[in-house]
PDB file of N, CA and C in Angstrom:
ATOM      1  N   UNK A   1     123.611 137.656  22.033  1.00  0.00           N
ATOM      2  CA  UNK A   1     123.096 138.543  21.010  1.00  0.00           C
ATOM      3  C   UNK A   1     124.105 138.561  19.863  1.00  0.00           C
ATOM      4  N   UNK A   2     123.579 138.470  18.660  1.00  0.00           N
ATOM      5  CA  UNK A   2     124.448 138.411  17.491  1.00  0.00           C
ATOM      6  C   UNK A   2     124.070 139.495  16.486  1.00  0.00           C
ATOM      7  N   UNK A   3     124.461 140.746  16.750  1.00  0.00           N
ATOM      8  CA  UNK A   3     124.096 141.819  15.822  1.00  0.00           C
ATOM      9  C   UNK A   3     124.923 141.765  14.538  1.00  0.00           C
ATOM     10  N   UNK A   4     124.330 142.263  13.486  1.00  0.00           N
ATOM     11  CA  UNK A   4     125.032 142.462  12.229  1.00  0.00           C
ATOM     12  C   UNK A   4     124.950 143.949  11.935  1.00  0.00           C
ATOM     13  N   UNK A   5     125.996 144.495  11.369  1.00  0.00           N
ATOM     14  CA  UNK A   5     126.033 145.925  11.105  1.00  0.00           C
ATOM     15  C   UNK A   5     125.997 146.196   9.615  1.00  0.00           C
ATOM     16  N   UNK A   6     125.254 147.213   9.237  1.00  0.00           N
ATOM     17  CA  UNK A   6     125.257 147.696   7.866  1.00  0.00           C
ATOM     18  C   UNK A   6     126.208 148.883   7.830  1.00  0.00           C
ATOM     19  N   UNK A   7     127.015 148.955   6.798  1.00  0.00           N
ATOM     20  CA  UNK A   7     128.003 150.026   6.699  1.00  0.00           C
ATOM     21  C   UNK A   7     127.794 150.799   5.397  1.00  0.00           C
ATOM     22  N   UNK A   8     128.234 152.063   5.425  1.00  0.00           N
ATOM     23  CA  UNK A   8     128.148 152.867   4.211  1.00  0.00           C
ATOM     24  C   UNK A   8     129.400 152.646   3.359  1.00  0.00           C
ATOM     25  N   UNK A   9     129.527 153.407   2.301  1.00  0.00           N
ATOM     26  CA  UNK A   9     130.652 153.249   1.374  1.00  0.00           C
ATOM     27  C   UNK A   9     131.994 153.520   2.043  1.00  0.00           C
ATOM     28  N   UNK A  10     131.983 154.275   3.146  1.00  0.00           N
ATOM     29  CA  UNK A  10     133.218 154.600   3.865  1.00  0.00           C
ATOM     30  C   UNK A  10     133.523 153.595   4.981  1.00  0.00           C
ATOM     31  N   UNK A  11     132.688 152.582   5.122  1.00  0.00           N
ATOM     32  CA  UNK A  11     132.901 151.588   6.167  1.00  0.00           C
ATOM     33  C   UNK A  11     132.354 151.990   7.525  1.00  0.00           C
ATOM     34  N   UNK A  12     131.615 153.099   7.584  1.00  0.00           N
ATOM     35  CA  UNK A  12     131.018 153.567   8.831  1.00  0.00           C
ATOM     36  C   UNK A  12     129.713 152.805   9.087  1.00  0.00           C
ATOM     37  N   UNK A  13     129.539 152.352  10.309  1.00  0.00           N
ATOM     38  CA  UNK A  13     128.302 151.649  10.661  1.00  0.00           C
ATOM     39  C   UNK A  13     127.131 152.621  10.595  1.00  0.00           C
ATOM     40  N   UNK A  14     126.086 152.207   9.918  1.00  0.00           N
ATOM     41  CA  UNK A  14     124.910 153.059   9.769  1.00  0.00           C
ATOM     42  C   UNK A  14     123.643 152.443  10.340  1.00  0.00           C
ATOM     43  N   UNK A  15     123.654 151.137  10.559  1.00  0.00           N
ATOM     44  CA  UNK A  15     122.469 150.453  11.075  1.00  0.00           C
ATOM     45  C   UNK A  15     122.904 149.124  11.676  1.00  0.00           C
ATOM     46  N   UNK A  16     121.991 148.572  12.466  1.00  0.00           N
ATOM     47  CA  UNK A  16     122.249 147.273  13.072  1.00  0.00           C
ATOM     48  C   UNK A  16     121.057 146.366  12.799  1.00  0.00           C
ATOM     49  N   UNK A  17     121.346 145.105  12.561  1.00  0.00           N
ATOM     50  CA  UNK A  17     120.305 144.106  12.336  1.00  0.00           C
ATOM     51  C   UNK A  17     120.415 143.091  13.463  1.00  0.00           C
ATOM     52  N   UNK A  18     119.282 142.884  14.154  1.00  0.00           N
ATOM     53  CA  UNK A  18     119.233 141.916  15.246  1.00  0.00           C
ATOM     54  C   UNK A  18     118.273 140.791  14.888  1.00  0.00           C
ATOM     55  N   UNK A  19     118.561 139.588  15.345  1.00  0.00           N
ATOM     56  CA  UNK A  19     117.558 138.536  15.219  1.00  0.00           C
ATOM     57  C   UNK A  19     116.288 138.968  15.959  1.00  0.00           C
ATOM     58  N   UNK A  20     115.153 138.582  15.440  1.00  0.00           N
ATOM     59  CA  UNK A  20     113.879 139.012  16.000  1.00  0.00           C
ATOM     60  C   UNK A  20     113.764 138.685  17.485  1.00  0.00           C
ATOM     61  N   UNK A  21     114.218 137.515  17.901  1.00  0.00           N
ATOM     62  CA  UNK A  21     114.135 137.134  19.310  1.00  0.00           C
ATOM     63  C   UNK A  21     114.974 138.068  20.181  1.00  0.00           C
ATOM     64  N   UNK A  22     116.146 138.465  19.697  1.00  0.00           N
ATOM     65  CA  UNK A  22     116.983 139.413  20.440  1.00  0.00           C
ATOM     66  C   UNK A  22     116.283 140.760  20.562  1.00  0.00           C
ATOM     67  N   UNK A  23     115.667 141.208  19.471  1.00  0.00           N
ATOM     68  CA  UNK A  23     114.936 142.475  19.495  1.00  0.00           C
ATOM     69  C   UNK A  23     113.792 142.419  20.506  1.00  0.00           C
ATOM     70  N   UNK A  24     113.022 141.342  20.475  1.00  0.00           N
ATOM     71  CA  UNK A  24     111.900 141.200  21.405  1.00  0.00           C
ATOM     72  C   UNK A  24     112.389 141.186  22.848  1.00  0.00           C
ATOM     73  N   UNK A  25     113.507 140.535  23.083  1.00  0.00           N
ATOM     74  CA  UNK A  25     114.081 140.489  24.423  1.00  0.00           C
ATOM     75  C   UNK A  25     114.485 141.886  24.893  1.00  0.00           C
ATOM     76  N   UNK A  26     115.086 142.660  24.003  1.00  0.00           N
ATOM     77  CA  UNK A  26     115.461 144.033  24.359  1.00  0.00           C
ATOM     78  C   UNK A  26     114.231 144.887  24.671  1.00  0.00           C
ATOM     79  N   UNK A  27     113.199 144.757  23.857  1.00  0.00           N
ATOM     80  CA  UNK A  27     111.968 145.525  24.094  1.00  0.00           C
ATOM     81  C   UNK A  27     111.364 145.147  25.445  1.00  0.00           C
ATOM     82  N   UNK A  28     111.331 143.867  25.749  1.00  0.00           N
ATOM     83  CA  UNK A  28     110.784 143.411  27.031  1.00  0.00           C
ATOM     84  C   UNK A  28     111.581 143.993  28.197  1.00  0.00           C
ATOM     85  N   UNK A  29     112.894 143.975  28.084  1.00  0.00           N
ATOM     86  CA  UNK A  29     113.735 144.521  29.153  1.00  0.00           C
ATOM     87  C   UNK A  29     113.516 146.018  29.312  1.00  0.00           C
ATOM     88  N   UNK A  30     113.356 146.730  28.198  1.00  0.00           N
ATOM     89  CA  UNK A  30     113.086 148.169  28.267  1.00  0.00           C
ATOM     90  C   UNK A  30     111.741 148.447  28.932  1.00  0.00           C
ATOM     91  N   UNK A  31     110.738 147.640  28.627  1.00  0.00           N
ATOM     92  CA  UNK A  31     109.427 147.811  29.258  1.00  0.00           C
ATOM     93  C   UNK A  31     109.516 147.573  30.761  1.00  0.00           C
ATOM     94  N   UNK A  32     110.294 146.573  31.168  1.00  0.00           N
ATOM     95  CA  UNK A  32     110.470 146.317  32.601  1.00  0.00           C
ATOM     96  C   UNK A  32     111.169 147.485  33.280  1.00  0.00           C
ATOM     97  N   UNK A  33     112.174 148.045  32.635  1.00  0.00           N
ATOM     98  CA  UNK A  33     112.862 149.210  33.195  1.00  0.00           C
ATOM     99  C   UNK A  33     111.923 150.408  33.306  1.00  0.00           C
ATOM    100  N   UNK A  34     111.076 150.591  32.317  1.00  0.00           N
ATOM    101  CA  UNK A  34     110.103 151.685  32.367  1.00  0.00           C
ATOM    102  C   UNK A  34     109.136 151.484  33.532  1.00  0.00           C
ATOM    103  N   UNK A  35     108.682 150.242  33.743  1.00  0.00           N
ATOM    104  CA  UNK A  35     107.807 149.946  34.879  1.00  0.00           C
ATOM    105  C   UNK A  35     108.497 150.280  36.193  1.00  0.00           C
ATOM    106  N   UNK A  36     109.764 149.898  36.321  1.00  0.00           N
ATOM    107  CA  UNK A  36     110.514 150.193  37.543  1.00  0.00           C
ATOM    108  C   UNK A  36     110.685 151.698  37.740  1.00  0.00           C
ATOM    109  N   UNK A  37     110.910 152.421  36.646  1.00  0.00           N
ATOM    110  CA  UNK A  37     111.045 153.874  36.733  1.00  0.00           C
ATOM    111  C   UNK A  37     109.744 154.500  37.221  1.00  0.00           C
ATOM    112  N   UNK A  38     108.620 154.032  36.709  1.00  0.00           N
ATOM    113  CA  UNK A  38     107.327 154.558  37.137  1.00  0.00           C
ATOM    114  C   UNK A  38     107.051 154.240  38.602  1.00  0.00           C
ATOM    115  N   UNK A  39     107.408 153.045  39.033  1.00  0.00           N
ATOM    116  CA  UNK A  39     107.233 152.673  40.438  1.00  0.00           C
ATOM    117  C   UNK A  39     108.037 153.615  41.325  1.00  0.00           C
ATOM    118  N   UNK A  40     109.281 153.841  40.950  1.00  0.00           N
ATOM    119  CA  UNK A  40     110.147 154.729  41.728  1.00  0.00           C
ATOM    120  C   UNK A  40     109.601 156.154  41.743  1.00  0.00           C
ATOM    121  N   UNK A  41     109.112 156.607  40.605  1.00  0.00           N
ATOM    122  CA  UNK A  41     108.576 157.956  40.467  1.00  0.00           C
ATOM    123  C   UNK A  41     107.348 158.157  41.354  1.00  0.00           C
ATOM    124  N   UNK A  42     106.537 157.120  41.496  1.00  0.00           N
ATOM    125  CA  UNK A  42     105.280 157.241  42.234  1.00  0.00           C
ATOM    126  C   UNK A  42     105.374 156.745  43.672  1.00  0.00           C
ATOM    127  N   UNK A  43     106.571 156.419  44.101  1.00  0.00           N
ATOM    128  CA  UNK A  43     106.764 155.848  45.428  1.00  0.00           C
ATOM    129  C   UNK A  43     106.172 156.722  46.540  1.00  0.00           C
ATOM    130  N   UNK A  44     106.262 158.030  46.416  1.00  0.00           N
ATOM    131  CA  UNK A  44     105.791 158.936  47.463  1.00  0.00           C
ATOM    132  C   UNK A  44     104.315 159.283  47.392  1.00  0.00           C
ATOM    133  N   UNK A  45     103.611 158.810  46.382  1.00  0.00           N
ATOM    134  CA  UNK A  45     102.189 159.138  46.244  1.00  0.00           C
ATOM    135  C   UNK A  45     101.363 158.383  47.279  1.00  0.00           C
ATOM    136  N   UNK A  46     100.262 159.000  47.702  1.00  0.00           N
ATOM    137  CA  UNK A  46      99.397 158.294  48.655  1.00  0.00           C
ATOM    138  C   UNK A  46      98.766 157.063  48.011  1.00  0.00           C
ATOM    139  N   UNK A  47      98.489 156.071  48.817  1.00  0.00           N
ATOM    140  CA  UNK A  47      97.879 154.841  48.315  1.00  0.00           C
ATOM    141  C   UNK A  47      96.354 154.943  48.367  1.00  0.00           C
ATOM    142  N   UNK A  48      95.710 154.085  47.610  1.00  0.00           N
ATOM    143  CA  UNK A  48      94.247 154.034  47.587  1.00  0.00           C
ATOM    144  C   UNK A  48      93.849 152.658  48.103  1.00  0.00           C
ATOM    145  N   UNK A  49      92.991 152.617  49.118  1.00  0.00           N
ATOM    146  CA  UNK A  49      92.570 151.304  49.633  1.00  0.00           C
ATOM    147  C   UNK A  49      91.877 150.479  48.546  1.00  0.00           C
ATOM    148  N   UNK A  50      92.075 149.180  48.579  1.00  0.00           N
ATOM    149  CA  UNK A  50      91.465 148.279  47.599  1.00  0.00           C
ATOM    150  C   UNK A  50      89.946 148.418  47.606  1.00  0.00           C
ATOM    151  N   UNK A  51      89.373 148.584  48.773  1.00  0.00           N
ATOM    152  CA  UNK A  51      87.907 148.709  48.846  1.00  0.00           C
ATOM    153  C   UNK A  51      87.418 149.916  48.047  1.00  0.00           C
ATOM    154  N   UNK A  52      88.178 151.002  48.039  1.00  0.00           N
ATOM    155  CA  UNK A  52      87.797 152.176  47.257  1.00  0.00           C
ATOM    156  C   UNK A  52      87.845 151.874  45.768  1.00  0.00           C
ATOM    157  N   UNK A  53      88.852 151.127  45.348  1.00  0.00           N
ATOM    158  CA  UNK A  53      88.942 150.751  43.939  1.00  0.00           C
ATOM    159  C   UNK A  53      87.802 149.822  43.541  1.00  0.00           C
ATOM    160  N   UNK A  54      87.467 148.901  44.420  1.00  0.00           N
ATOM    161  CA  UNK A  54      86.356 147.993  44.126  1.00  0.00           C
ATOM    162  C   UNK A  54      85.054 148.775  44.010  1.00  0.00           C
ATOM    163  N   UNK A  55      84.845 149.762  44.890  1.00  0.00           N
ATOM    164  CA  UNK A  55      83.650 150.608  44.818  1.00  0.00           C
ATOM    165  C   UNK A  55      83.623 151.394  43.512  1.00  0.00           C
ATOM    166  N   UNK A  56      84.779 151.931  43.118  1.00  0.00           N
ATOM    167  CA  UNK A  56      84.871 152.685  41.877  1.00  0.00           C
ATOM    168  C   UNK A  56      84.537 151.802  40.681  1.00  0.00           C
ATOM    169  N   UNK A  57      85.081 150.592  40.647  1.00  0.00           N
ATOM    170  CA  UNK A  57      84.777 149.670  39.563  1.00  0.00           C
ATOM    171  C   UNK A  57      83.298 149.306  39.526  1.00  0.00           C
ATOM    172  N   UNK A  58      82.718 149.089  40.688  1.00  0.00           N
ATOM    173  CA  UNK A  58      81.291 148.772  40.756  1.00  0.00           C
ATOM    174  C   UNK A  58      80.454 149.915  40.204  1.00  0.00           C
ATOM    175  N   UNK A  59      80.829 151.157  40.533  1.00  0.00           N
ATOM    176  CA  UNK A  59      80.105 152.320  40.026  1.00  0.00           C
ATOM    177  C   UNK A  59      80.239 152.430  38.504  1.00  0.00           C
ATOM    178  N   UNK A  60      81.423 152.166  37.982  1.00  0.00           N
ATOM    179  CA  UNK A  60      81.643 152.248  36.538  1.00  0.00           C
ATOM    180  C   UNK A  60      80.827 151.162  35.837  1.00  0.00           C
ATOM    181  N   UNK A  61      80.845 149.951  36.369  1.00  0.00           N
ATOM    182  CA  UNK A  61      80.091 148.864  35.754  1.00  0.00           C
ATOM    183  C   UNK A  61      78.594 149.102  35.827  1.00  0.00           C
ATOM    184  N   UNK A  62      78.138 149.790  36.876  1.00  0.00           N
ATOM    185  CA  UNK A  62      76.716 150.084  37.026  1.00  0.00           C
ATOM    186  C   UNK A  62      76.286 151.242  36.151  1.00  0.00           C
ATOM    187  N   UNK A  63      77.272 151.971  35.586  1.00  0.00           N
ATOM    188  CA  UNK A  63      76.943 153.087  34.713  1.00  0.00           C
ATOM    189  C   UNK A  63      76.717 154.386  35.448  1.00  0.00           C
ATOM    190  N   UNK A  64      77.146 154.485  36.682  1.00  0.00           N
ATOM    191  CA  UNK A  64      76.979 155.725  37.455  1.00  0.00           C
ATOM    192  C   UNK A  64      78.019 156.744  37.068  1.00  0.00           C
TER     193      UNK A  64
END
């Protein structure tokens, strides 16, 4: 990663500029971390059998 920093008149960093690919990579990693956090958060929830989900989808597609 090759960040560039923008500074104010006092030399204090005020912003960072990243190459677009680096930015996209960071966003992707953050999304993966969010997915892992949600998995961990929902670990104790009861599961739903696949057959129930298939029935639910069939009902939605049928307009019920």
